[in-house]
Amino acid sequence: MEVNDFVDSLRNRVRAMNTLWERAVSDLTLEQMNHHERAGVLPMAFSFSHYIRAQDQAISGPFLRETPLWLSGGWAAKIGVSVDAMGREETIAEMEHLRFSDIEAWKAYQAQVLARTARVLATVDAEILGEALMPKLPPNMQNIFCAIVIGPDAPLRKLEVLECFVYQHGLRHMGEIEHGRALVGLQGMTS
């Protein structure tokens, strides 16, 4: 496989995954988004908030050197999110209370994030993806999935940001969304 084929493959994978995120939110009601099955189970609002905000951060900082849209657009207030946290440091007990007040505002935010990602993907090439962001992950990140992918002493490159924090992370949380949709009587995004 040539380098350009790999870059095209990564672009296509992220684009396809983001299409699933668009489909997943398209027919959800606010009640379905906020559905809380039982204690210890996170609502879909958590998975959407956690992952789309992570994609926002992964594209905004490393690729654009800009403030995430979540902050610059004041989306927490517009969406009326009940717990304004990413869910990395918080417990499941804390995050199971995350709810949205305005699903249309959420859809607008999500659309902006995905559009921004698409614009960045159109500009990346092998040289950009090879740029190192840090010589190795700090100790507090040694237990994350990306650390398993790159190894303990490897640099974190823009490639891993897209591969781990955007693509693989997005697919992992899409499984939660598909399960959550089934719990509220909806179908998955693919056959």
N, C-alpha and C. Protein backbone atom coordinates (compact mmCIF):
# COMPACT_ATOMS: atom_id res chain seq x y z
N MET A 1 0.85 -1.19 0.00
CA MET A 1 0.00 0.00 0.00
C MET A 1 0.89 1.24 0.00
N GLU A 2 0.56 2.15 -0.85
CA GLU A 2 1.29 3.40 -0.91
C GLU A 2 0.81 4.34 0.18
N VAL A 3 1.67 5.31 0.52
CA VAL A 3 1.34 6.27 1.57
C VAL A 3 0.04 6.99 1.26
N ASN A 4 -0.15 7.42 0.03
CA ASN A 4 -1.38 8.14 -0.33
C ASN A 4 -2.61 7.27 -0.16
N ASP A 5 -2.47 5.96 -0.44
CA ASP A 5 -3.59 5.04 -0.24
C ASP A 5 -3.95 4.96 1.23
N PHE A 6 -2.93 4.95 2.10
CA PHE A 6 -3.19 4.89 3.54
C PHE A 6 -3.91 6.16 4.01
N VAL A 7 -3.44 7.31 3.56
CA VAL A 7 -4.07 8.58 3.96
C VAL A 7 -5.51 8.61 3.47
N ASP A 8 -5.74 8.18 2.23
CA ASP A 8 -7.10 8.13 1.71
C ASP A 8 -7.96 7.16 2.52
N SER A 9 -7.40 6.03 2.91
CA SER A 9 -8.13 5.05 3.71
C SER A 9 -8.52 5.64 5.07
N LEU A 10 -7.59 6.34 5.70
CA LEU A 10 -7.90 6.96 7.00
C LEU A 10 -8.99 8.00 6.84
N ARG A 11 -8.90 8.83 5.80
CA ARG A 11 -9.95 9.83 5.54
C ARG A 11 -11.30 9.15 5.36
N ASN A 12 -11.32 8.09 4.56
CA ASN A 12 -12.57 7.39 4.28
C ASN A 12 -13.14 6.74 5.53
N ARG A 13 -12.29 6.18 6.37
CA ARG A 13 -12.76 5.54 7.60
C ARG A 13 -13.37 6.56 8.55
N VAL A 14 -12.71 7.70 8.73
CA VAL A 14 -13.25 8.74 9.61
C VAL A 14 -14.55 9.29 9.03
N ARG A 15 -14.57 9.53 7.72
CA ARG A 15 -15.80 10.03 7.07
C ARG A 15 -16.95 9.05 7.26
N ALA A 16 -16.70 7.77 7.04
CA ALA A 16 -17.75 6.76 7.20
C ALA A 16 -18.23 6.68 8.63
N MET A 17 -17.30 6.71 9.58
CA MET A 17 -17.68 6.66 10.98
C MET A 17 -18.52 7.89 11.35
N ASN A 18 -18.11 9.06 10.87
CA ASN A 18 -18.89 10.27 11.18
C ASN A 18 -20.26 10.24 10.54
N THR A 19 -20.39 9.54 9.42
CA THR A 19 -21.71 9.34 8.83
C THR A 19 -22.60 8.55 9.79
N LEU A 20 -22.03 7.57 10.47
CA LEU A 20 -22.80 6.81 11.47
C LEU A 20 -23.25 7.72 12.61
N TRP A 21 -22.38 8.62 13.05
CA TRP A 21 -22.76 9.56 14.12
C TRP A 21 -23.89 10.48 13.66
N GLU A 22 -23.85 10.91 12.40
CA GLU A 22 -24.93 11.74 11.86
C GLU A 22 -26.24 10.95 11.84
N ARG A 23 -26.18 9.72 11.36
CA ARG A 23 -27.38 8.88 11.32
C ARG A 23 -27.91 8.60 12.72
N ALA A 24 -27.00 8.37 13.64
CA ALA A 24 -27.39 7.99 15.00
C ALA A 24 -28.21 9.07 15.69
N VAL A 25 -27.91 10.32 15.44
CA VAL A 25 -28.62 11.42 16.11
C VAL A 25 -29.83 11.89 15.32
N SER A 26 -29.90 11.56 14.04
CA SER A 26 -30.89 12.16 13.15
C SER A 26 -32.34 11.93 13.58
N ASP A 27 -32.64 10.76 14.13
CA ASP A 27 -34.03 10.45 14.48
C ASP A 27 -34.28 10.33 15.99
N LEU A 28 -33.31 10.73 16.79
CA LEU A 28 -33.48 10.66 18.24
C LEU A 28 -34.34 11.82 18.76
N THR A 29 -35.20 11.50 19.69
CA THR A 29 -35.92 12.54 20.42
C THR A 29 -35.10 12.89 21.66
N LEU A 30 -35.43 14.00 22.28
CA LEU A 30 -34.75 14.38 23.52
C LEU A 30 -34.95 13.31 24.58
N GLU A 31 -36.15 12.79 24.68
CA GLU A 31 -36.43 11.74 25.66
C GLU A 31 -35.56 10.50 25.41
N GLN A 32 -35.43 10.09 24.16
CA GLN A 32 -34.59 8.93 23.85
C GLN A 32 -33.13 9.22 24.15
N MET A 33 -32.65 10.40 23.78
CA MET A 33 -31.26 10.77 24.04
C MET A 33 -30.94 10.71 25.53
N ASN A 34 -31.87 11.14 26.36
CA ASN A 34 -31.66 11.21 27.80
C ASN A 34 -32.09 9.95 28.54
N HIS A 35 -32.62 8.95 27.85
CA HIS A 35 -33.12 7.73 28.50
C HIS A 35 -32.04 7.13 29.41
N HIS A 36 -32.44 6.86 30.64
CA HIS A 36 -31.53 6.27 31.63
C HIS A 36 -32.11 4.93 32.04
N GLU A 37 -31.51 3.88 31.56
CA GLU A 37 -32.02 2.53 31.76
C GLU A 37 -32.09 2.14 33.24
N ARG A 38 -30.99 2.38 33.95
CA ARG A 38 -30.94 2.05 35.38
C ARG A 38 -29.62 2.56 35.95
N ALA A 39 -29.49 2.53 37.25
CA ALA A 39 -28.26 2.97 37.90
C ALA A 39 -27.07 2.18 37.35
N GLY A 40 -25.97 2.89 37.12
CA GLY A 40 -24.77 2.26 36.60
C GLY A 40 -24.70 2.20 35.09
N VAL A 41 -25.78 2.64 34.41
CA VAL A 41 -25.82 2.63 32.95
C VAL A 41 -25.89 4.07 32.47
N LEU A 42 -25.03 4.41 31.53
CA LEU A 42 -24.97 5.78 31.03
C LEU A 42 -26.01 6.01 29.94
N PRO A 43 -26.64 7.19 29.92
CA PRO A 43 -27.56 7.51 28.84
C PRO A 43 -26.79 7.79 27.55
N MET A 44 -27.48 7.72 26.41
CA MET A 44 -26.82 8.04 25.15
C MET A 44 -26.27 9.46 25.17
N ALA A 45 -26.91 10.36 25.91
CA ALA A 45 -26.40 11.74 26.00
C ALA A 45 -24.95 11.74 26.45
N PHE A 46 -24.58 10.84 27.35
CA PHE A 46 -23.18 10.77 27.78
C PHE A 46 -22.28 10.39 26.62
N SER A 47 -22.63 9.31 25.90
CA SER A 47 -21.76 8.83 24.82
C SER A 47 -21.61 9.88 23.73
N PHE A 48 -22.71 10.54 23.37
CA PHE A 48 -22.63 11.61 22.38
C PHE A 48 -21.73 12.74 22.89
N SER A 49 -21.98 13.21 24.11
CA SER A 49 -21.22 14.32 24.66
C SER A 49 -19.74 13.96 24.78
N HIS A 50 -19.47 12.82 25.35
CA HIS A 50 -18.08 12.41 25.57
C HIS A 50 -17.32 12.31 24.24
N TYR A 51 -17.88 11.60 23.29
CA TYR A 51 -17.13 11.37 22.06
C TYR A 51 -17.07 12.59 21.14
N ILE A 52 -18.16 13.25 20.90
CA ILE A 52 -18.14 14.39 19.97
C ILE A 52 -17.28 15.52 20.54
N ARG A 53 -17.33 15.72 21.84
CA ARG A 53 -16.44 16.71 22.46
C ARG A 53 -14.98 16.28 22.34
N ALA A 54 -14.71 14.99 22.44
CA ALA A 54 -13.33 14.49 22.28
C ALA A 54 -12.86 14.74 20.85
N GLN A 55 -13.73 14.51 19.86
CA GLN A 55 -13.36 14.77 18.47
C GLN A 55 -13.11 16.26 18.28
N ASP A 56 -13.95 17.08 18.87
CA ASP A 56 -13.79 18.54 18.81
C ASP A 56 -12.40 18.92 19.33
N GLN A 57 -12.02 18.39 20.48
CA GLN A 57 -10.71 18.70 21.06
C GLN A 57 -9.57 18.17 20.20
N ALA A 58 -9.71 16.95 19.68
CA ALA A 58 -8.65 16.32 18.90
C ALA A 58 -8.37 17.07 17.60
N ILE A 59 -9.38 17.67 17.03
CA ILE A 59 -9.20 18.43 15.79
C ILE A 59 -8.80 19.88 16.09
N SER A 60 -9.45 20.48 17.07
CA SER A 60 -9.22 21.90 17.38
C SER A 60 -7.78 22.19 17.80
N GLY A 61 -7.28 21.44 18.76
CA GLY A 61 -5.94 21.72 19.28
C GLY A 61 -4.83 21.28 18.35
N PRO A 62 -4.65 19.97 18.17
CA PRO A 62 -3.52 19.48 17.39
C PRO A 62 -3.49 19.94 15.92
N PHE A 63 -4.63 20.04 15.29
CA PHE A 63 -4.65 20.35 13.86
C PHE A 63 -4.86 21.84 13.56
N LEU A 64 -5.65 22.51 14.37
CA LEU A 64 -5.99 23.91 14.07
C LEU A 64 -5.40 24.92 15.05
N ARG A 65 -4.95 24.43 16.20
CA ARG A 65 -4.44 25.32 17.26
C ARG A 65 -5.46 26.38 17.62
N GLU A 66 -6.69 25.89 17.75
CA GLU A 66 -7.81 26.76 18.12
C GLU A 66 -8.52 26.20 19.34
N THR A 67 -9.31 27.03 19.95
CA THR A 67 -10.14 26.61 21.07
C THR A 67 -11.22 25.67 20.55
N PRO A 68 -11.54 24.61 21.28
CA PRO A 68 -12.63 23.73 20.84
C PRO A 68 -13.93 24.51 20.65
N LEU A 69 -14.71 24.07 19.68
CA LEU A 69 -16.01 24.70 19.41
C LEU A 69 -16.90 24.71 20.64
N TRP A 70 -16.82 23.64 21.46
CA TRP A 70 -17.63 23.54 22.67
C TRP A 70 -17.47 24.79 23.53
N LEU A 71 -16.22 25.24 23.69
CA LEU A 71 -15.94 26.41 24.52
C LEU A 71 -16.19 27.71 23.76
N SER A 72 -15.66 27.82 22.56
CA SER A 72 -15.78 29.09 21.82
C SER A 72 -17.22 29.40 21.44
N GLY A 73 -18.06 28.37 21.28
CA GLY A 73 -19.45 28.59 20.91
C GLY A 73 -20.42 28.61 22.08
N GLY A 74 -19.91 28.42 23.30
CA GLY A 74 -20.79 28.41 24.47
C GLY A 74 -21.85 27.31 24.40
N TRP A 75 -21.46 26.15 23.87
CA TRP A 75 -22.45 25.09 23.63
C TRP A 75 -23.02 24.47 24.89
N ALA A 76 -22.30 24.47 25.98
CA ALA A 76 -22.86 23.89 27.22
C ALA A 76 -24.16 24.59 27.59
N ALA A 77 -24.17 25.91 27.52
CA ALA A 77 -25.38 26.67 27.84
C ALA A 77 -26.46 26.49 26.78
N LYS A 78 -26.07 26.49 25.51
CA LYS A 78 -27.05 26.35 24.43
C LYS A 78 -27.76 25.00 24.49
N ILE A 79 -26.99 23.96 24.78
CA ILE A 79 -27.55 22.61 24.84
C ILE A 79 -28.24 22.35 26.17
N GLY A 80 -27.83 23.09 27.19
CA GLY A 80 -28.39 22.88 28.52
C GLY A 80 -27.93 21.55 29.11
N VAL A 81 -26.63 21.28 28.95
CA VAL A 81 -26.09 20.02 29.46
C VAL A 81 -26.07 20.07 30.99
N SER A 82 -26.53 18.99 31.62
CA SER A 82 -26.64 18.98 33.08
C SER A 82 -25.31 18.72 33.78
N VAL A 83 -24.38 18.05 33.12
CA VAL A 83 -23.05 17.79 33.67
C VAL A 83 -22.06 18.20 32.59
N ASP A 84 -21.39 19.32 32.79
CA ASP A 84 -20.46 19.83 31.78
C ASP A 84 -19.07 19.28 32.06
N ALA A 85 -18.91 17.99 31.79
CA ALA A 85 -17.63 17.31 31.98
C ALA A 85 -17.48 16.27 30.88
N MET A 86 -16.23 15.95 30.56
CA MET A 86 -15.95 14.98 29.49
C MET A 86 -16.20 13.54 29.92
N GLY A 87 -16.05 13.26 31.20
CA GLY A 87 -16.24 11.90 31.66
C GLY A 87 -14.96 11.08 31.69
N ARG A 88 -13.82 11.73 31.59
CA ARG A 88 -12.54 11.02 31.68
C ARG A 88 -12.13 10.81 33.13
N GLU A 89 -12.33 11.82 33.92
CA GLU A 89 -11.91 11.77 35.32
C GLU A 89 -13.08 11.47 36.25
N GLU A 90 -14.29 11.64 35.77
CA GLU A 90 -15.49 11.48 36.59
C GLU A 90 -15.90 10.00 36.64
N THR A 91 -16.69 9.68 37.64
CA THR A 91 -17.17 8.30 37.81
C THR A 91 -18.43 8.08 36.97
N ILE A 92 -18.76 6.81 36.78
CA ILE A 92 -20.01 6.47 36.10
C ILE A 92 -21.18 7.03 36.89
N ALA A 93 -21.12 6.95 38.22
CA ALA A 93 -22.20 7.47 39.05
C ALA A 93 -22.43 8.97 38.81
N GLU A 94 -21.37 9.71 38.58
CA GLU A 94 -21.50 11.14 38.28
C GLU A 94 -22.05 11.36 36.86
N MET A 95 -21.51 10.63 35.91
CA MET A 95 -21.84 10.87 34.51
C MET A 95 -23.19 10.30 34.09
N GLU A 96 -23.74 9.38 34.86
CA GLU A 96 -25.06 8.84 34.48
C GLU A 96 -26.15 9.90 34.65
N HIS A 97 -25.82 11.05 35.23
CA HIS A 97 -26.78 12.14 35.39
C HIS A 97 -26.72 13.15 34.25
N LEU A 98 -25.83 12.92 33.28
CA LEU A 98 -25.70 13.85 32.17
C LEU A 98 -26.96 13.79 31.30
N ARG A 99 -27.54 14.95 31.04
CA ARG A 99 -28.72 15.07 30.18
C ARG A 99 -28.59 16.33 29.35
N PHE A 100 -29.30 16.36 28.22
CA PHE A 100 -29.40 17.54 27.37
C PHE A 100 -30.79 18.14 27.58
N SER A 101 -30.89 19.46 27.44
CA SER A 101 -32.19 20.14 27.47
C SER A 101 -32.68 20.47 26.07
N ASP A 102 -31.77 20.59 25.11
CA ASP A 102 -32.13 21.01 23.76
C ASP A 102 -31.42 20.12 22.74
N ILE A 103 -32.14 19.16 22.19
CA ILE A 103 -31.52 18.22 21.23
C ILE A 103 -31.19 18.90 19.91
N GLU A 104 -31.96 19.90 19.51
CA GLU A 104 -31.65 20.61 18.27
C GLU A 104 -30.34 21.38 18.40
N ALA A 105 -30.10 21.96 19.56
CA ALA A 105 -28.81 22.62 19.79
C ALA A 105 -27.68 21.59 19.74
N TRP A 106 -27.91 20.41 20.34
CA TRP A 106 -26.89 19.36 20.27
C TRP A 106 -26.60 19.01 18.81
N LYS A 107 -27.64 18.81 18.02
CA LYS A 107 -27.46 18.44 16.62
C LYS A 107 -26.66 19.52 15.88
N ALA A 108 -26.90 20.77 16.19
CA ALA A 108 -26.16 21.86 15.54
C ALA A 108 -24.69 21.82 15.93
N TYR A 109 -24.41 21.61 17.21
CA TYR A 109 -23.01 21.49 17.66
C TYR A 109 -22.33 20.31 16.99
N GLN A 110 -22.97 19.16 17.03
CA GLN A 110 -22.38 17.96 16.44
C GLN A 110 -22.08 18.18 14.96
N ALA A 111 -23.01 18.80 14.24
CA ALA A 111 -22.81 19.06 12.81
C ALA A 111 -21.60 19.96 12.58
N GLN A 112 -21.41 20.96 13.44
CA GLN A 112 -20.25 21.84 13.30
C GLN A 112 -18.95 21.08 13.54
N VAL A 113 -18.94 20.21 14.54
CA VAL A 113 -17.73 19.43 14.82
C VAL A 113 -17.40 18.52 13.65
N LEU A 114 -18.39 17.80 13.14
CA LEU A 114 -18.13 16.88 12.04
C LEU A 114 -17.72 17.61 10.77
N ALA A 115 -18.30 18.77 10.52
CA ALA A 115 -17.91 19.56 9.35
C ALA A 115 -16.48 20.07 9.48
N ARG A 116 -16.11 20.46 10.68
CA ARG A 116 -14.74 20.94 10.91
C ARG A 116 -13.75 19.79 10.70
N THR A 117 -14.10 18.62 11.18
CA THR A 117 -13.24 17.45 10.98
C THR A 117 -13.09 17.16 9.49
N ALA A 118 -14.18 17.23 8.74
CA ALA A 118 -14.13 16.97 7.30
C ALA A 118 -13.20 17.97 6.61
N ARG A 119 -13.26 19.22 7.01
CA ARG A 119 -12.39 20.23 6.41
C ARG A 119 -10.92 19.93 6.69
N VAL A 120 -10.62 19.51 7.92
CA VAL A 120 -9.24 19.18 8.28
C VAL A 120 -8.78 17.94 7.52
N LEU A 121 -9.64 16.92 7.44
CA LEU A 121 -9.26 15.70 6.73
C LEU A 121 -8.90 15.97 5.28
N ALA A 122 -9.56 16.93 4.67
CA ALA A 122 -9.29 17.25 3.27
C ALA A 122 -7.89 17.83 3.09
N THR A 123 -7.28 18.32 4.15
CA THR A 123 -5.97 18.97 4.05
C THR A 123 -4.82 18.10 4.53
N VAL A 124 -5.08 16.98 5.20
CA VAL A 124 -3.98 16.19 5.76
C VAL A 124 -3.28 15.38 4.68
N ASP A 125 -2.00 15.21 4.89
CA ASP A 125 -1.20 14.33 4.05
C ASP A 125 -0.24 13.58 4.96
N ALA A 126 0.59 12.74 4.38
CA ALA A 126 1.49 11.90 5.18
C ALA A 126 2.45 12.74 6.02
N GLU A 127 2.90 13.85 5.47
CA GLU A 127 3.83 14.71 6.21
C GLU A 127 3.16 15.29 7.46
N ILE A 128 1.95 15.79 7.29
CA ILE A 128 1.21 16.35 8.44
C ILE A 128 0.95 15.26 9.47
N LEU A 129 0.52 14.08 9.01
CA LEU A 129 0.22 13.00 9.94
C LEU A 129 1.45 12.52 10.69
N GLY A 130 2.62 12.69 10.11
CA GLY A 130 3.86 12.27 10.76
C GLY A 130 4.37 13.24 11.80
N GLU A 131 3.79 14.42 11.90
CA GLU A 131 4.25 15.42 12.87
C GLU A 131 4.03 14.92 14.30
N ALA A 132 5.09 14.94 15.10
CA ALA A 132 5.01 14.53 16.50
C ALA A 132 4.47 15.68 17.34
N LEU A 133 3.53 15.35 18.21
CA LEU A 133 2.94 16.34 19.11
C LEU A 133 3.60 16.30 20.48
N MET A 134 4.09 15.13 20.87
CA MET A 134 4.84 14.98 22.12
C MET A 134 5.73 13.75 21.99
N PRO A 135 6.88 13.76 22.66
CA PRO A 135 7.82 12.64 22.50
C PRO A 135 7.27 11.31 23.02
N LYS A 136 6.43 11.37 24.02
CA LYS A 136 5.73 10.18 24.51
C LYS A 136 4.57 10.64 25.38
N LEU A 137 3.63 9.74 25.57
CA LEU A 137 2.47 10.09 26.39
C LEU A 137 2.89 10.28 27.84
N PRO A 138 2.29 11.25 28.53
CA PRO A 138 2.63 11.46 29.95
C PRO A 138 2.10 10.31 30.80
N PRO A 139 2.59 10.20 32.04
CA PRO A 139 2.18 9.09 32.91
C PRO A 139 0.67 8.95 33.08
N ASN A 140 -0.06 10.06 33.14
CA ASN A 140 -1.51 9.97 33.35
C ASN A 140 -2.25 9.45 32.12
N MET A 141 -1.55 9.26 31.00
CA MET A 141 -2.18 8.74 29.78
C MET A 141 -1.65 7.35 29.41
N GLN A 142 -0.86 6.75 30.28
CA GLN A 142 -0.26 5.45 29.96
C GLN A 142 -1.27 4.30 29.97
N ASN A 143 -2.45 4.51 30.53
CA ASN A 143 -3.45 3.44 30.57
C ASN A 143 -4.56 3.61 29.54
N ILE A 144 -4.44 4.60 28.67
CA ILE A 144 -5.48 4.79 27.66
C ILE A 144 -5.22 3.88 26.46
N PHE A 145 -6.23 3.71 25.62
CA PHE A 145 -6.13 2.85 24.46
C PHE A 145 -4.97 3.25 23.54
N CYS A 146 -4.80 4.54 23.31
CA CYS A 146 -3.75 5.01 22.41
C CYS A 146 -2.37 4.59 22.90
N ALA A 147 -2.17 4.51 24.21
CA ALA A 147 -0.88 4.06 24.74
C ALA A 147 -0.61 2.62 24.35
N ILE A 148 -1.65 1.81 24.29
CA ILE A 148 -1.48 0.43 23.85
C ILE A 148 -1.10 0.40 22.37
N VAL A 149 -1.72 1.28 21.59
CA VAL A 149 -1.44 1.33 20.15
C VAL A 149 -0.01 1.75 19.87
N ILE A 150 0.46 2.83 20.49
CA ILE A 150 1.78 3.36 20.14
C ILE A 150 2.92 2.79 20.97
N GLY A 151 2.63 2.23 22.12
CA GLY A 151 3.68 1.72 22.99
C GLY A 151 4.13 2.76 24.00
N PRO A 152 4.86 2.34 25.02
CA PRO A 152 5.17 3.23 26.15
C PRO A 152 6.15 4.37 25.84
N ASP A 153 7.04 4.19 24.87
CA ASP A 153 8.05 5.22 24.64
C ASP A 153 7.99 5.84 23.25
N ALA A 154 6.92 5.62 22.53
CA ALA A 154 6.80 6.17 21.18
C ALA A 154 6.20 7.56 21.22
N PRO A 155 6.49 8.37 20.21
CA PRO A 155 5.89 9.71 20.17
C PRO A 155 4.41 9.63 19.79
N LEU A 156 3.67 10.63 20.24
CA LEU A 156 2.28 10.79 19.81
C LEU A 156 2.31 11.71 18.61
N ARG A 157 1.89 11.18 17.46
CA ARG A 157 1.86 11.95 16.23
C ARG A 157 0.42 12.34 15.89
N LYS A 158 0.27 13.22 14.94
CA LYS A 158 -1.08 13.58 14.48
C LYS A 158 -1.79 12.36 13.92
N LEU A 159 -1.05 11.42 13.37
CA LEU A 159 -1.63 10.17 12.89
C LEU A 159 -2.38 9.47 14.01
N GLU A 160 -1.75 9.33 15.17
CA GLU A 160 -2.41 8.65 16.28
C GLU A 160 -3.59 9.44 16.82
N VAL A 161 -3.53 10.76 16.75
CA VAL A 161 -4.68 11.56 17.15
C VAL A 161 -5.88 11.18 16.31
N LEU A 162 -5.69 11.12 14.99
CA LEU A 162 -6.82 10.74 14.12
C LEU A 162 -7.19 9.28 14.27
N GLU A 163 -6.20 8.41 14.32
CA GLU A 163 -6.47 6.98 14.38
C GLU A 163 -7.08 6.57 15.72
N CYS A 164 -6.49 7.04 16.81
CA CYS A 164 -6.92 6.60 18.15
C CYS A 164 -8.05 7.46 18.73
N PHE A 165 -7.81 8.77 18.82
CA PHE A 165 -8.74 9.65 19.51
C PHE A 165 -9.98 9.99 18.69
N VAL A 166 -9.87 9.89 17.38
CA VAL A 166 -11.03 10.17 16.53
C VAL A 166 -11.63 8.86 16.04
N TYR A 167 -10.93 8.11 15.21
CA TYR A 167 -11.53 6.94 14.56
C TYR A 167 -11.84 5.79 15.53
N GLN A 168 -10.83 5.24 16.15
CA GLN A 168 -11.07 4.07 17.01
C GLN A 168 -11.95 4.41 18.21
N HIS A 169 -11.73 5.57 18.79
CA HIS A 169 -12.55 6.02 19.92
C HIS A 169 -14.00 6.17 19.51
N GLY A 170 -14.21 6.73 18.32
CA GLY A 170 -15.57 6.93 17.81
C GLY A 170 -16.29 5.62 17.56
N LEU A 171 -15.59 4.63 17.03
CA LEU A 171 -16.22 3.33 16.80
C LEU A 171 -16.55 2.63 18.11
N ARG A 172 -15.67 2.76 19.09
CA ARG A 172 -15.93 2.12 20.38
C ARG A 172 -17.21 2.69 21.01
N HIS A 173 -17.37 4.00 20.96
CA HIS A 173 -18.58 4.60 21.54
C HIS A 173 -19.81 4.43 20.66
N MET A 174 -19.62 4.21 19.36
CA MET A 174 -20.76 3.94 18.49
C MET A 174 -21.45 2.65 18.92
N GLY A 175 -20.70 1.70 19.43
CA GLY A 175 -21.32 0.48 19.95
C GLY A 175 -22.27 0.78 21.09
N GLU A 176 -21.90 1.70 21.96
CA GLU A 176 -22.79 2.11 23.05
C GLU A 176 -24.06 2.77 22.48
N ILE A 177 -23.87 3.59 21.47
CA ILE A 177 -25.01 4.28 20.87
C ILE A 177 -25.97 3.27 20.23
N GLU A 178 -25.42 2.31 19.51
CA GLU A 178 -26.28 1.30 18.88
C GLU A 178 -27.05 0.52 19.94
N HIS A 179 -26.40 0.19 21.04
CA HIS A 179 -27.09 -0.51 22.13
C HIS A 179 -28.15 0.40 22.76
N GLY A 180 -27.81 1.66 23.00
CA GLY A 180 -28.76 2.61 23.55
C GLY A 180 -29.97 2.80 22.65
N ARG A 181 -29.74 2.85 21.35
CA ARG A 181 -30.86 2.98 20.41
C ARG A 181 -31.78 1.76 20.50
N ALA A 182 -31.19 0.58 20.65
CA ALA A 182 -32.01 -0.63 20.79
C ALA A 182 -32.85 -0.57 22.06
N LEU A 183 -32.30 -0.02 23.14
CA LEU A 183 -33.04 0.08 24.41
C LEU A 183 -34.26 0.98 24.30
N VAL A 184 -34.21 1.96 23.38
CA VAL A 184 -35.35 2.87 23.21
C VAL A 184 -36.19 2.52 21.99
N GLY A 185 -35.94 1.34 21.40
CA GLY A 185 -36.78 0.86 20.31
C GLY A 185 -36.38 1.29 18.92
N LEU A 186 -35.15 1.76 18.75
CA LEU A 186 -34.68 2.18 17.43
C LEU A 186 -33.71 1.16 16.87
N GLN A 187 -33.49 1.24 15.56
CA GLN A 187 -32.56 0.34 14.90
C GLN A 187 -31.15 0.92 14.90
N GLY A 188 -30.20 0.05 14.53
CA GLY A 188 -28.82 0.47 14.39
C GLY A 188 -28.62 1.26 13.11
N MET A 189 -27.37 1.62 12.84
CA MET A 189 -27.08 2.47 11.68
C MET A 189 -26.70 1.70 10.43
N THR A 190 -26.34 0.43 10.55
CA THR A 190 -25.97 -0.37 9.39
C THR A 190 -26.65 -1.73 9.48
N SER A 191 -26.66 -2.44 8.38
CA SER A 191 -27.27 -3.77 8.41
C SER A 191 -26.21 -4.85 8.56
